[in-house]
């Protein structure tokens, strides 16, 4: 699976515009670490803008970047308002409520495990683990890792998460290829 051809053109357009705006706003006075961080943010923003709002990860990236004041010049006021309206129904503005719900769920599941052990059932460490249970645990852990890695994937179910991950990886790979070509062209 490959990113569409117009993605490369749109990515380059947004990335170069971002570099231009960044250079003008900073006045060339950035440390190497700040410059690296800025280029990474610009590449992510350009990737999300070139992808459009068809994927959760692109909406989440743009909503996160729209919150930062210095990115408004690059993303543009139109895109900031556009993506804020798109992102707000999906809960991308604040992750604190999501984290609170997650902590409550962790506490509930921990308390329920304690109750099970108190009733006389053996603890998982003392008995043999059934292979299907072990497989479910591994899938659950890997799903949690994917949800942390992919922007905007916190609330997705399994199938949607895999689809979103595939889409994100395809565009990330295209971004990496374009960035490699740029470094070869500019001899950096």
N, C-alpha and C. Protein backbone atom coordinates (compact mmCIF):
# COMPACT_ATOMS: atom_id res chain seq x y z
N UNK A 1 0.84 -1.18 0.00
CA UNK A 1 0.00 0.00 0.00
C UNK A 1 0.88 1.24 0.00
N UNK A 2 0.54 2.21 -0.83
CA UNK A 2 1.33 3.42 -0.96
C UNK A 2 0.46 4.64 -0.78
N UNK A 3 1.11 5.72 -0.36
CA UNK A 3 0.41 6.99 -0.24
C UNK A 3 0.11 7.51 -1.65
N UNK A 4 -0.97 8.25 -1.82
CA UNK A 4 -1.30 8.80 -3.14
C UNK A 4 -0.19 9.73 -3.64
N UNK A 5 -0.09 9.85 -4.97
CA UNK A 5 0.96 10.69 -5.57
C UNK A 5 0.84 12.15 -5.16
N UNK A 6 -0.38 12.65 -5.07
CA UNK A 6 -0.54 14.05 -4.71
C UNK A 6 -0.13 14.31 -3.26
N UNK A 7 -0.02 13.26 -2.45
CA UNK A 7 0.43 13.44 -1.06
C UNK A 7 1.84 14.00 -1.04
N UNK A 8 2.72 13.45 -1.88
CA UNK A 8 4.11 13.91 -1.90
C UNK A 8 4.19 15.39 -2.26
N UNK A 9 3.41 15.79 -3.25
CA UNK A 9 3.40 17.19 -3.65
C UNK A 9 2.86 18.07 -2.53
N UNK A 10 1.74 17.68 -1.95
CA UNK A 10 1.14 18.46 -0.86
C UNK A 10 2.06 18.50 0.37
N UNK A 11 2.69 17.37 0.67
CA UNK A 11 3.61 17.33 1.81
C UNK A 11 4.75 18.32 1.60
N UNK A 12 5.38 18.27 0.43
CA UNK A 12 6.49 19.19 0.15
C UNK A 12 6.04 20.65 0.22
N UNK A 13 4.87 20.94 -0.33
CA UNK A 13 4.34 22.31 -0.31
C UNK A 13 4.17 22.78 1.14
N UNK A 14 3.52 21.98 1.97
CA UNK A 14 3.29 22.37 3.37
C UNK A 14 4.59 22.42 4.16
N UNK A 15 5.48 21.48 3.91
CA UNK A 15 6.74 21.43 4.65
C UNK A 15 7.62 22.64 4.33
N UNK A 16 7.74 22.95 3.04
CA UNK A 16 8.57 24.10 2.65
C UNK A 16 7.95 25.41 3.12
N UNK A 17 6.64 25.52 3.07
CA UNK A 17 5.96 26.70 3.61
C UNK A 17 6.24 26.82 5.11
N UNK A 18 6.17 25.70 5.81
CA UNK A 18 6.45 25.71 7.25
C UNK A 18 7.88 26.11 7.56
N UNK A 19 8.82 25.62 6.77
CA UNK A 19 10.23 26.02 6.96
C UNK A 19 10.40 27.51 6.74
N UNK A 20 9.73 28.03 5.72
CA UNK A 20 9.81 29.46 5.43
C UNK A 20 9.23 30.29 6.57
N UNK A 21 8.05 29.92 7.05
CA UNK A 21 7.41 30.64 8.16
C UNK A 21 8.24 30.53 9.42
N UNK A 22 8.78 29.34 9.66
CA UNK A 22 9.60 29.11 10.86
C UNK A 22 10.86 29.96 10.83
N UNK A 23 11.51 30.03 9.66
CA UNK A 23 12.73 30.82 9.54
C UNK A 23 12.44 32.30 9.75
N UNK A 24 11.32 32.77 9.20
CA UNK A 24 10.96 34.18 9.35
C UNK A 24 10.62 34.52 10.79
N UNK A 25 9.92 33.62 11.49
CA UNK A 25 9.49 33.92 12.86
C UNK A 25 10.61 33.79 13.87
N UNK A 26 11.58 32.91 13.62
CA UNK A 26 12.65 32.70 14.60
C UNK A 26 13.81 33.65 14.39
N UNK A 27 13.95 34.19 13.20
CA UNK A 27 15.06 35.08 12.92
C UNK A 27 16.40 34.35 12.84
N UNK A 28 16.36 33.03 12.69
CA UNK A 28 17.59 32.25 12.57
C UNK A 28 18.33 32.02 13.87
N UNK A 29 17.72 32.34 14.99
CA UNK A 29 18.40 32.20 16.29
C UNK A 29 17.86 30.98 17.05
N UNK A 30 18.19 29.77 16.59
CA UNK A 30 17.76 28.54 17.24
C UNK A 30 18.97 27.66 17.47
N UNK A 31 18.94 26.93 18.57
CA UNK A 31 19.99 25.95 18.79
C UNK A 31 19.72 24.75 17.89
N UNK A 32 20.67 23.86 17.80
CA UNK A 32 20.52 22.68 16.95
C UNK A 32 19.36 21.81 17.43
N UNK A 33 19.24 21.61 18.74
CA UNK A 33 18.14 20.81 19.28
C UNK A 33 16.78 21.44 19.00
N UNK A 34 16.70 22.76 19.15
CA UNK A 34 15.44 23.44 18.87
C UNK A 34 15.08 23.32 17.39
N UNK A 35 16.09 23.43 16.54
CA UNK A 35 15.85 23.32 15.10
C UNK A 35 15.38 21.91 14.72
N UNK A 36 16.01 20.89 15.31
CA UNK A 36 15.59 19.50 15.05
C UNK A 36 14.14 19.29 15.47
N UNK A 37 13.80 19.79 16.66
CA UNK A 37 12.43 19.65 17.17
C UNK A 37 11.44 20.37 16.26
N UNK A 38 11.84 21.57 15.81
CA UNK A 38 10.98 22.35 14.92
C UNK A 38 10.76 21.62 13.60
N UNK A 39 11.80 21.03 13.04
CA UNK A 39 11.67 20.31 11.77
C UNK A 39 10.77 19.09 11.95
N UNK A 40 10.89 18.39 13.08
CA UNK A 40 10.03 17.24 13.33
C UNK A 40 8.56 17.67 13.41
N UNK A 41 8.29 18.77 14.14
CA UNK A 41 6.91 19.27 14.23
C UNK A 41 6.38 19.70 12.87
N UNK A 42 7.25 20.37 12.09
CA UNK A 42 6.83 20.80 10.77
C UNK A 42 6.53 19.61 9.86
N UNK A 43 7.37 18.58 9.94
CA UNK A 43 7.14 17.38 9.12
C UNK A 43 5.84 16.69 9.52
N UNK A 44 5.57 16.59 10.82
CA UNK A 44 4.32 15.98 11.27
C UNK A 44 3.11 16.80 10.82
N UNK A 45 3.22 18.13 10.97
CA UNK A 45 2.11 18.99 10.56
C UNK A 45 1.88 18.91 9.06
N UNK A 46 2.97 18.92 8.29
CA UNK A 46 2.85 18.84 6.83
C UNK A 46 2.23 17.50 6.42
N UNK A 47 2.62 16.43 7.11
CA UNK A 47 2.06 15.12 6.81
C UNK A 47 0.56 15.10 7.10
N UNK A 48 0.17 15.65 8.24
CA UNK A 48 -1.25 15.64 8.61
C UNK A 48 -2.07 16.54 7.68
N UNK A 49 -1.52 17.72 7.33
CA UNK A 49 -2.24 18.61 6.43
C UNK A 49 -2.36 18.00 5.03
N UNK A 50 -1.31 17.33 4.58
CA UNK A 50 -1.36 16.70 3.26
C UNK A 50 -2.33 15.53 3.24
N UNK A 51 -2.45 14.81 4.35
CA UNK A 51 -3.38 13.68 4.44
C UNK A 51 -4.82 14.16 4.48
N UNK A 52 -5.04 15.30 5.12
CA UNK A 52 -6.40 15.81 5.25
C UNK A 52 -7.06 15.24 6.50
N UNK A 53 -8.36 15.47 6.63
CA UNK A 53 -9.05 15.05 7.85
C UNK A 53 -9.73 13.70 7.70
N UNK A 54 -9.26 12.86 6.81
CA UNK A 54 -9.87 11.56 6.59
C UNK A 54 -9.47 10.49 7.59
N UNK A 55 -8.51 10.80 8.46
CA UNK A 55 -8.04 9.81 9.42
C UNK A 55 -7.98 10.44 10.81
N UNK A 56 -8.19 9.62 11.83
CA UNK A 56 -8.13 10.12 13.20
C UNK A 56 -6.76 10.69 13.54
N UNK A 57 -5.69 10.03 13.07
CA UNK A 57 -4.35 10.47 13.45
C UNK A 57 -4.05 11.87 12.89
N UNK A 58 -4.53 12.16 11.67
CA UNK A 58 -4.26 13.48 11.11
C UNK A 58 -5.05 14.56 11.84
N UNK A 59 -6.30 14.27 12.20
CA UNK A 59 -7.09 15.23 12.98
C UNK A 59 -6.47 15.47 14.35
N UNK A 60 -5.98 14.40 14.97
CA UNK A 60 -5.37 14.53 16.30
C UNK A 60 -4.08 15.34 16.24
N UNK A 61 -3.25 15.09 15.23
CA UNK A 61 -2.00 15.85 15.09
C UNK A 61 -2.28 17.33 14.87
N UNK A 62 -3.22 17.63 14.00
CA UNK A 62 -3.51 19.03 13.69
C UNK A 62 -4.19 19.72 14.87
N UNK A 63 -5.06 19.00 15.57
CA UNK A 63 -5.69 19.61 16.74
C UNK A 63 -4.64 19.92 17.80
N UNK A 64 -3.68 19.02 17.98
CA UNK A 64 -2.61 19.27 18.95
C UNK A 64 -1.73 20.43 18.53
N UNK A 65 -1.44 20.53 17.24
CA UNK A 65 -0.61 21.63 16.75
C UNK A 65 -1.38 22.95 16.74
N UNK A 66 -2.68 22.89 16.53
CA UNK A 66 -3.48 24.12 16.50
C UNK A 66 -3.55 24.77 17.87
N UNK A 67 -3.38 23.99 18.93
CA UNK A 67 -3.41 24.54 20.29
C UNK A 67 -2.20 25.43 20.55
N UNK A 68 -1.09 25.12 19.91
CA UNK A 68 0.13 25.89 20.13
C UNK A 68 0.06 27.18 19.34
N UNK A 69 0.38 28.29 20.00
CA UNK A 69 0.23 29.61 19.39
C UNK A 69 1.16 29.81 18.19
N UNK A 70 2.39 29.33 18.28
CA UNK A 70 3.37 29.62 17.23
C UNK A 70 3.11 28.83 15.95
N UNK A 71 2.23 27.86 15.96
CA UNK A 71 1.96 27.08 14.76
C UNK A 71 0.81 27.66 13.94
N UNK A 72 0.15 28.69 14.48
CA UNK A 72 -1.01 29.23 13.77
C UNK A 72 -0.61 29.84 12.44
N UNK A 73 0.59 30.43 12.38
CA UNK A 73 1.04 31.04 11.13
C UNK A 73 1.24 29.97 10.06
N UNK A 74 1.77 28.83 10.45
CA UNK A 74 2.03 27.75 9.49
C UNK A 74 0.74 27.04 9.10
N UNK A 75 -0.03 26.63 10.10
CA UNK A 75 -1.25 25.88 9.82
C UNK A 75 -2.29 26.81 9.20
N UNK A 76 -2.29 28.05 9.63
CA UNK A 76 -3.24 29.03 9.12
C UNK A 76 -4.47 29.08 10.00
N UNK A 77 -5.01 30.28 10.17
CA UNK A 77 -6.18 30.44 11.03
C UNK A 77 -7.36 29.63 10.51
N UNK A 78 -7.47 29.55 9.17
CA UNK A 78 -8.57 28.79 8.57
C UNK A 78 -8.49 27.33 9.00
N UNK A 79 -7.28 26.74 8.88
CA UNK A 79 -7.11 25.33 9.24
C UNK A 79 -7.28 25.13 10.74
N UNK A 80 -6.78 26.08 11.55
CA UNK A 80 -6.93 25.94 13.01
C UNK A 80 -8.39 25.84 13.39
N UNK A 81 -9.21 26.78 12.88
CA UNK A 81 -10.63 26.76 13.22
C UNK A 81 -11.32 25.54 12.62
N UNK A 82 -10.93 25.21 11.39
CA UNK A 82 -11.50 24.05 10.71
C UNK A 82 -11.24 22.77 11.50
N UNK A 83 -10.00 22.56 11.90
CA UNK A 83 -9.65 21.34 12.58
C UNK A 83 -10.09 21.33 14.03
N UNK A 84 -10.21 22.51 14.65
CA UNK A 84 -10.76 22.54 16.00
C UNK A 84 -12.21 22.09 15.98
N UNK A 85 -12.96 22.53 14.96
CA UNK A 85 -14.35 22.11 14.87
C UNK A 85 -14.47 20.63 14.56
N UNK A 86 -13.54 20.11 13.78
CA UNK A 86 -13.55 18.68 13.46
C UNK A 86 -13.11 17.88 14.67
N UNK A 87 -12.10 18.36 15.36
CA UNK A 87 -11.50 17.58 16.44
C UNK A 87 -12.32 17.60 17.72
N UNK A 88 -13.00 18.69 18.00
CA UNK A 88 -13.68 18.78 19.29
C UNK A 88 -14.77 17.71 19.51
N UNK A 89 -15.58 17.30 18.51
CA UNK A 89 -16.55 16.25 18.78
C UNK A 89 -15.90 14.92 19.09
N UNK A 90 -14.67 14.73 18.64
CA UNK A 90 -14.00 13.45 18.86
C UNK A 90 -13.17 13.43 20.13
N UNK A 91 -13.12 14.54 20.86
CA UNK A 91 -12.43 14.55 22.14
C UNK A 91 -10.93 14.69 22.05
N UNK A 92 -10.41 15.33 21.01
CA UNK A 92 -8.96 15.48 20.89
C UNK A 92 -8.43 16.70 21.62
N UNK A 93 -9.32 17.59 22.07
CA UNK A 93 -8.83 18.80 22.74
C UNK A 93 -8.17 18.49 24.06
N UNK A 94 -8.79 17.71 24.89
CA UNK A 94 -8.20 17.44 26.18
C UNK A 94 -8.10 15.96 26.44
N UNK A 95 -6.91 15.53 26.81
CA UNK A 95 -6.76 14.11 27.11
C UNK A 95 -6.89 13.86 28.60
N UNK A 96 -7.03 14.95 29.39
CA UNK A 96 -7.08 14.76 30.84
C UNK A 96 -8.32 13.97 31.25
N UNK A 97 -9.47 14.25 30.62
CA UNK A 97 -10.68 13.50 30.97
C UNK A 97 -10.53 12.04 30.57
N UNK A 98 -9.87 11.81 29.44
CA UNK A 98 -9.63 10.44 29.01
C UNK A 98 -8.73 9.72 30.00
N UNK A 99 -7.68 10.40 30.45
CA UNK A 99 -6.75 9.78 31.42
C UNK A 99 -7.44 9.50 32.74
N UNK A 100 -8.33 10.41 33.17
CA UNK A 100 -9.07 10.18 34.41
C UNK A 100 -9.94 8.94 34.29
N UNK A 101 -10.65 8.82 33.14
CA UNK A 101 -11.49 7.64 32.93
C UNK A 101 -10.65 6.37 32.90
N UNK A 102 -9.48 6.46 32.30
CA UNK A 102 -8.60 5.31 32.21
C UNK A 102 -8.13 4.88 33.60
N UNK A 103 -7.80 5.86 34.46
CA UNK A 103 -7.36 5.55 35.82
C UNK A 103 -8.50 4.92 36.62
N UNK A 104 -9.71 5.43 36.44
CA UNK A 104 -10.86 4.85 37.14
C UNK A 104 -11.06 3.41 36.71
N UNK A 105 -10.94 3.15 35.41
CA UNK A 105 -11.11 1.78 34.92
C UNK A 105 -10.01 0.88 35.47
N UNK A 106 -8.78 1.39 35.56
CA UNK A 106 -7.70 0.59 36.12
C UNK A 106 -8.00 0.22 37.57
N UNK A 107 -8.47 1.22 38.33
CA UNK A 107 -8.80 0.96 39.73
C UNK A 107 -9.90 -0.08 39.85
N UNK A 108 -10.94 0.06 39.01
CA UNK A 108 -12.04 -0.89 39.06
C UNK A 108 -11.57 -2.31 38.74
N UNK A 109 -10.76 -2.44 37.70
CA UNK A 109 -10.31 -3.78 37.34
C UNK A 109 -9.38 -4.35 38.41
N UNK A 110 -8.56 -3.49 39.04
CA UNK A 110 -7.68 -3.96 40.10
C UNK A 110 -8.50 -4.44 41.30
N UNK A 111 -9.52 -3.66 41.68
CA UNK A 111 -10.38 -4.05 42.79
C UNK A 111 -11.13 -5.35 42.49
N UNK A 112 -11.59 -5.52 41.27
CA UNK A 112 -12.31 -6.75 40.93
C UNK A 112 -11.37 -7.95 40.97
N UNK A 113 -10.11 -7.78 40.60
CA UNK A 113 -9.15 -8.88 40.69
C UNK A 113 -8.88 -9.25 42.14
N UNK A 114 -8.85 -8.24 43.01
CA UNK A 114 -8.64 -8.52 44.43
C UNK A 114 -9.81 -9.32 44.99
N UNK A 115 -11.03 -8.95 44.60
CA UNK A 115 -12.20 -9.66 45.09
C UNK A 115 -12.19 -11.11 44.64
N UNK A 116 -11.77 -11.33 43.40
CA UNK A 116 -11.72 -12.71 42.90
C UNK A 116 -10.73 -13.52 43.72
N UNK A 117 -9.60 -12.98 44.03
CA UNK A 117 -8.59 -13.70 44.80
C UNK A 117 -9.06 -13.95 46.23
N UNK A 118 -9.80 -13.01 46.80
CA UNK A 118 -10.28 -13.18 48.16
C UNK A 118 -11.30 -14.30 48.25
N UNK A 119 -12.04 -14.55 47.17
CA UNK A 119 -13.06 -15.58 47.20
C UNK A 119 -12.49 -16.99 47.16
N UNK A 120 -11.20 -17.12 47.05
CA UNK A 120 -10.61 -18.44 47.08
C UNK A 120 -10.10 -18.95 45.77
N UNK A 121 -10.20 -18.12 44.73
CA UNK A 121 -9.65 -18.54 43.44
C UNK A 121 -8.14 -18.38 43.47
N UNK A 122 -7.44 -19.25 42.79
CA UNK A 122 -5.98 -19.13 42.79
C UNK A 122 -5.53 -17.90 42.01
N UNK A 123 -4.42 -17.32 42.42
CA UNK A 123 -3.88 -16.17 41.70
C UNK A 123 -3.28 -16.64 40.38
N UNK A 124 -3.21 -15.77 39.40
CA UNK A 124 -2.71 -16.17 38.09
C UNK A 124 -1.26 -16.68 38.13
N UNK A 125 -0.47 -16.19 39.06
CA UNK A 125 0.93 -16.59 39.10
C UNK A 125 1.10 -18.01 39.64
N UNK A 126 0.16 -18.48 40.46
CA UNK A 126 0.32 -19.80 41.06
C UNK A 126 -0.18 -20.94 40.16
N UNK A 127 -1.04 -20.64 39.21
CA UNK A 127 -1.57 -21.70 38.34
C UNK A 127 -0.97 -21.58 36.95
N UNK A 128 -1.13 -22.64 36.17
CA UNK A 128 -0.66 -22.60 34.78
C UNK A 128 -1.55 -21.68 33.97
N UNK A 129 -0.94 -20.96 33.05
CA UNK A 129 -1.69 -20.04 32.22
C UNK A 129 -2.13 -20.78 30.95
N UNK A 130 -3.40 -20.69 30.64
CA UNK A 130 -3.96 -21.31 29.45
C UNK A 130 -3.47 -20.51 28.23
N UNK A 131 -3.05 -21.20 27.16
CA UNK A 131 -2.50 -20.48 25.99
C UNK A 131 -3.42 -19.42 25.40
N UNK A 132 -4.72 -19.68 25.35
CA UNK A 132 -5.64 -18.68 24.79
C UNK A 132 -5.70 -17.43 25.67
N UNK A 133 -5.60 -17.62 26.98
CA UNK A 133 -5.59 -16.47 27.90
C UNK A 133 -4.31 -15.67 27.70
N UNK A 134 -3.20 -16.38 27.55
CA UNK A 134 -1.92 -15.73 27.31
C UNK A 134 -1.95 -14.95 25.99
N UNK A 135 -2.52 -15.54 24.96
CA UNK A 135 -2.62 -14.86 23.66
C UNK A 135 -3.47 -13.60 23.78
N UNK A 136 -4.58 -13.67 24.52
CA UNK A 136 -5.43 -12.49 24.71
C UNK A 136 -4.67 -11.39 25.44
N UNK A 137 -3.88 -11.77 26.45
CA UNK A 137 -3.09 -10.77 27.19
C UNK A 137 -2.09 -10.09 26.28
N UNK A 138 -1.42 -10.87 25.44
CA UNK A 138 -0.42 -10.31 24.53
C UNK A 138 -1.09 -9.36 23.54
N UNK A 139 -2.23 -9.76 22.99
CA UNK A 139 -2.95 -8.90 22.05
C UNK A 139 -3.40 -7.62 22.75
N UNK A 140 -3.89 -7.73 23.97
CA UNK A 140 -4.34 -6.56 24.72
C UNK A 140 -3.18 -5.59 24.97
N UNK A 141 -2.03 -6.14 25.36
CA UNK A 141 -0.87 -5.27 25.62
C UNK A 141 -0.39 -4.59 24.34
N UNK A 142 -0.35 -5.33 23.25
CA UNK A 142 0.10 -4.74 21.99
C UNK A 142 -0.89 -3.71 21.48
N UNK A 143 -2.16 -3.94 21.73
CA UNK A 143 -3.18 -2.96 21.35
C UNK A 143 -2.98 -1.68 22.15
N UNK A 144 -2.69 -1.81 23.43
CA UNK A 144 -2.43 -0.62 24.26
C UNK A 144 -1.22 0.16 23.76
N UNK A 145 -0.19 -0.57 23.35
CA UNK A 145 1.01 0.09 22.81
C UNK A 145 0.66 0.86 21.53
N UNK A 146 -0.10 0.24 20.65
CA UNK A 146 -0.53 0.91 19.42
C UNK A 146 -1.34 2.16 19.72
N UNK A 147 -2.21 2.08 20.70
CA UNK A 147 -3.04 3.22 21.05
C UNK A 147 -2.19 4.38 21.57
N UNK A 148 -1.06 4.07 22.20
CA UNK A 148 -0.16 5.14 22.67
C UNK A 148 0.65 5.73 21.52
N UNK A 149 0.99 4.92 20.53
CA UNK A 149 1.86 5.36 19.45
C UNK A 149 1.10 6.17 18.40
N UNK A 150 -0.07 5.71 18.01
CA UNK A 150 -0.82 6.34 16.93
C UNK A 150 -1.62 7.51 17.49
N UNK A 151 -1.41 8.73 16.96
CA UNK A 151 -2.17 9.89 17.46
C UNK A 151 -3.67 9.72 17.23
N UNK A 152 -4.46 10.01 18.24
CA UNK A 152 -5.91 9.96 18.11
C UNK A 152 -6.51 8.57 18.15
N UNK A 153 -5.75 7.57 18.55
CA UNK A 153 -6.24 6.19 18.52
C UNK A 153 -6.73 5.70 19.88
N UNK A 154 -6.77 6.57 20.87
CA UNK A 154 -7.11 6.13 22.23
C UNK A 154 -8.48 5.48 22.34
N UNK A 155 -9.44 5.95 21.54
CA UNK A 155 -10.81 5.46 21.71
C UNK A 155 -11.25 4.49 20.61
N UNK A 156 -10.31 4.00 19.81
CA UNK A 156 -10.69 3.11 18.70
C UNK A 156 -10.80 1.66 19.14
N UNK A 157 -11.66 0.91 18.46
CA UNK A 157 -11.75 -0.52 18.71
C UNK A 157 -10.66 -1.23 17.90
N UNK A 158 -10.58 -2.54 18.00
CA UNK A 158 -9.49 -3.31 17.41
C UNK A 158 -9.35 -3.18 15.91
N UNK A 159 -10.44 -3.36 15.15
CA UNK A 159 -10.38 -3.30 13.70
C UNK A 159 -10.06 -1.89 13.23
N UNK A 160 -10.71 -0.90 13.82
CA UNK A 160 -10.44 0.49 13.46
C UNK A 160 -9.00 0.87 13.80
N UNK A 161 -8.51 0.35 14.91
CA UNK A 161 -7.13 0.63 15.31
C UNK A 161 -6.14 0.08 14.29
N UNK A 162 -6.38 -1.13 13.82
CA UNK A 162 -5.49 -1.72 12.81
C UNK A 162 -5.54 -0.94 11.49
N UNK A 163 -6.73 -0.53 11.09
CA UNK A 163 -6.88 0.25 9.88
C UNK A 163 -6.18 1.60 10.00
N UNK A 164 -6.36 2.24 11.14
CA UNK A 164 -5.72 3.54 11.40
C UNK A 164 -4.20 3.40 11.46
N UNK A 165 -3.72 2.32 12.06
CA UNK A 165 -2.28 2.07 12.15
C UNK A 165 -1.69 1.87 10.76
N UNK A 166 -2.37 1.10 9.94
CA UNK A 166 -1.89 0.87 8.58
C UNK A 166 -1.81 2.18 7.81
N UNK A 167 -2.84 2.99 7.90
CA UNK A 167 -2.87 4.28 7.23
C UNK A 167 -1.73 5.17 7.72
N UNK A 168 -1.54 5.22 9.03
CA UNK A 168 -0.48 6.06 9.62
C UNK A 168 0.90 5.60 9.17
N UNK A 169 1.13 4.31 9.17
CA UNK A 169 2.45 3.78 8.78
C UNK A 169 2.73 4.06 7.31
N UNK A 170 1.73 3.94 6.45
CA UNK A 170 1.91 4.22 5.02
C UNK A 170 2.35 5.67 4.83
N UNK A 171 1.67 6.59 5.49
CA UNK A 171 2.00 8.01 5.33
C UNK A 171 3.31 8.36 6.04
N UNK A 172 3.60 7.70 7.13
CA UNK A 172 4.87 7.93 7.82
C UNK A 172 6.04 7.47 6.96
N UNK A 173 5.85 6.35 6.30
CA UNK A 173 6.88 5.83 5.41
C UNK A 173 7.11 6.78 4.23
N UNK A 174 6.02 7.30 3.67
CA UNK A 174 6.14 8.27 2.58
C UNK A 174 6.85 9.54 3.07
N UNK A 175 6.53 9.97 4.28
CA UNK A 175 7.19 11.14 4.86
C UNK A 175 8.69 10.89 5.00
N UNK A 176 9.06 9.72 5.50
CA UNK A 176 10.48 9.38 5.66
C UNK A 176 11.20 9.36 4.32
N UNK A 177 10.57 8.80 3.29
CA UNK A 177 11.17 8.77 1.95
C UNK A 177 11.39 10.19 1.42
N UNK A 178 10.42 11.04 1.59
CA UNK A 178 10.54 12.42 1.11
C UNK A 178 11.65 13.15 1.87
N UNK A 179 11.70 12.95 3.18
CA UNK A 179 12.73 13.62 3.98
C UNK A 179 14.13 13.12 3.59
N UNK A 180 14.26 11.83 3.29
CA UNK A 180 15.55 11.30 2.84
C UNK A 180 15.96 11.92 1.51
N UNK A 181 15.01 12.06 0.60
CA UNK A 181 15.31 12.69 -0.69
C UNK A 181 15.72 14.14 -0.51
N UNK A 182 15.04 14.84 0.40
CA UNK A 182 15.40 16.24 0.67
C UNK A 182 16.82 16.35 1.21
N UNK A 183 17.21 15.46 2.10
CA UNK A 183 18.57 15.52 2.65
C UNK A 183 19.60 15.22 1.55
N UNK A 184 19.27 14.32 0.62
CA UNK A 184 20.20 14.04 -0.49
C UNK A 184 20.31 15.25 -1.41
N UNK A 185 19.18 15.92 -1.69
CA UNK A 185 19.17 17.06 -2.59
C UNK A 185 19.97 18.22 -1.99
N UNK A 186 19.74 18.49 -0.71
CA UNK A 186 20.40 19.62 -0.06
C UNK A 186 21.77 19.27 0.49
N UNK A 187 22.13 17.98 0.46
CA UNK A 187 23.45 17.56 0.91
C UNK A 187 23.69 17.80 2.38
N UNK A 188 22.68 17.62 3.19
CA UNK A 188 22.79 17.85 4.63
C UNK A 188 23.35 16.63 5.31
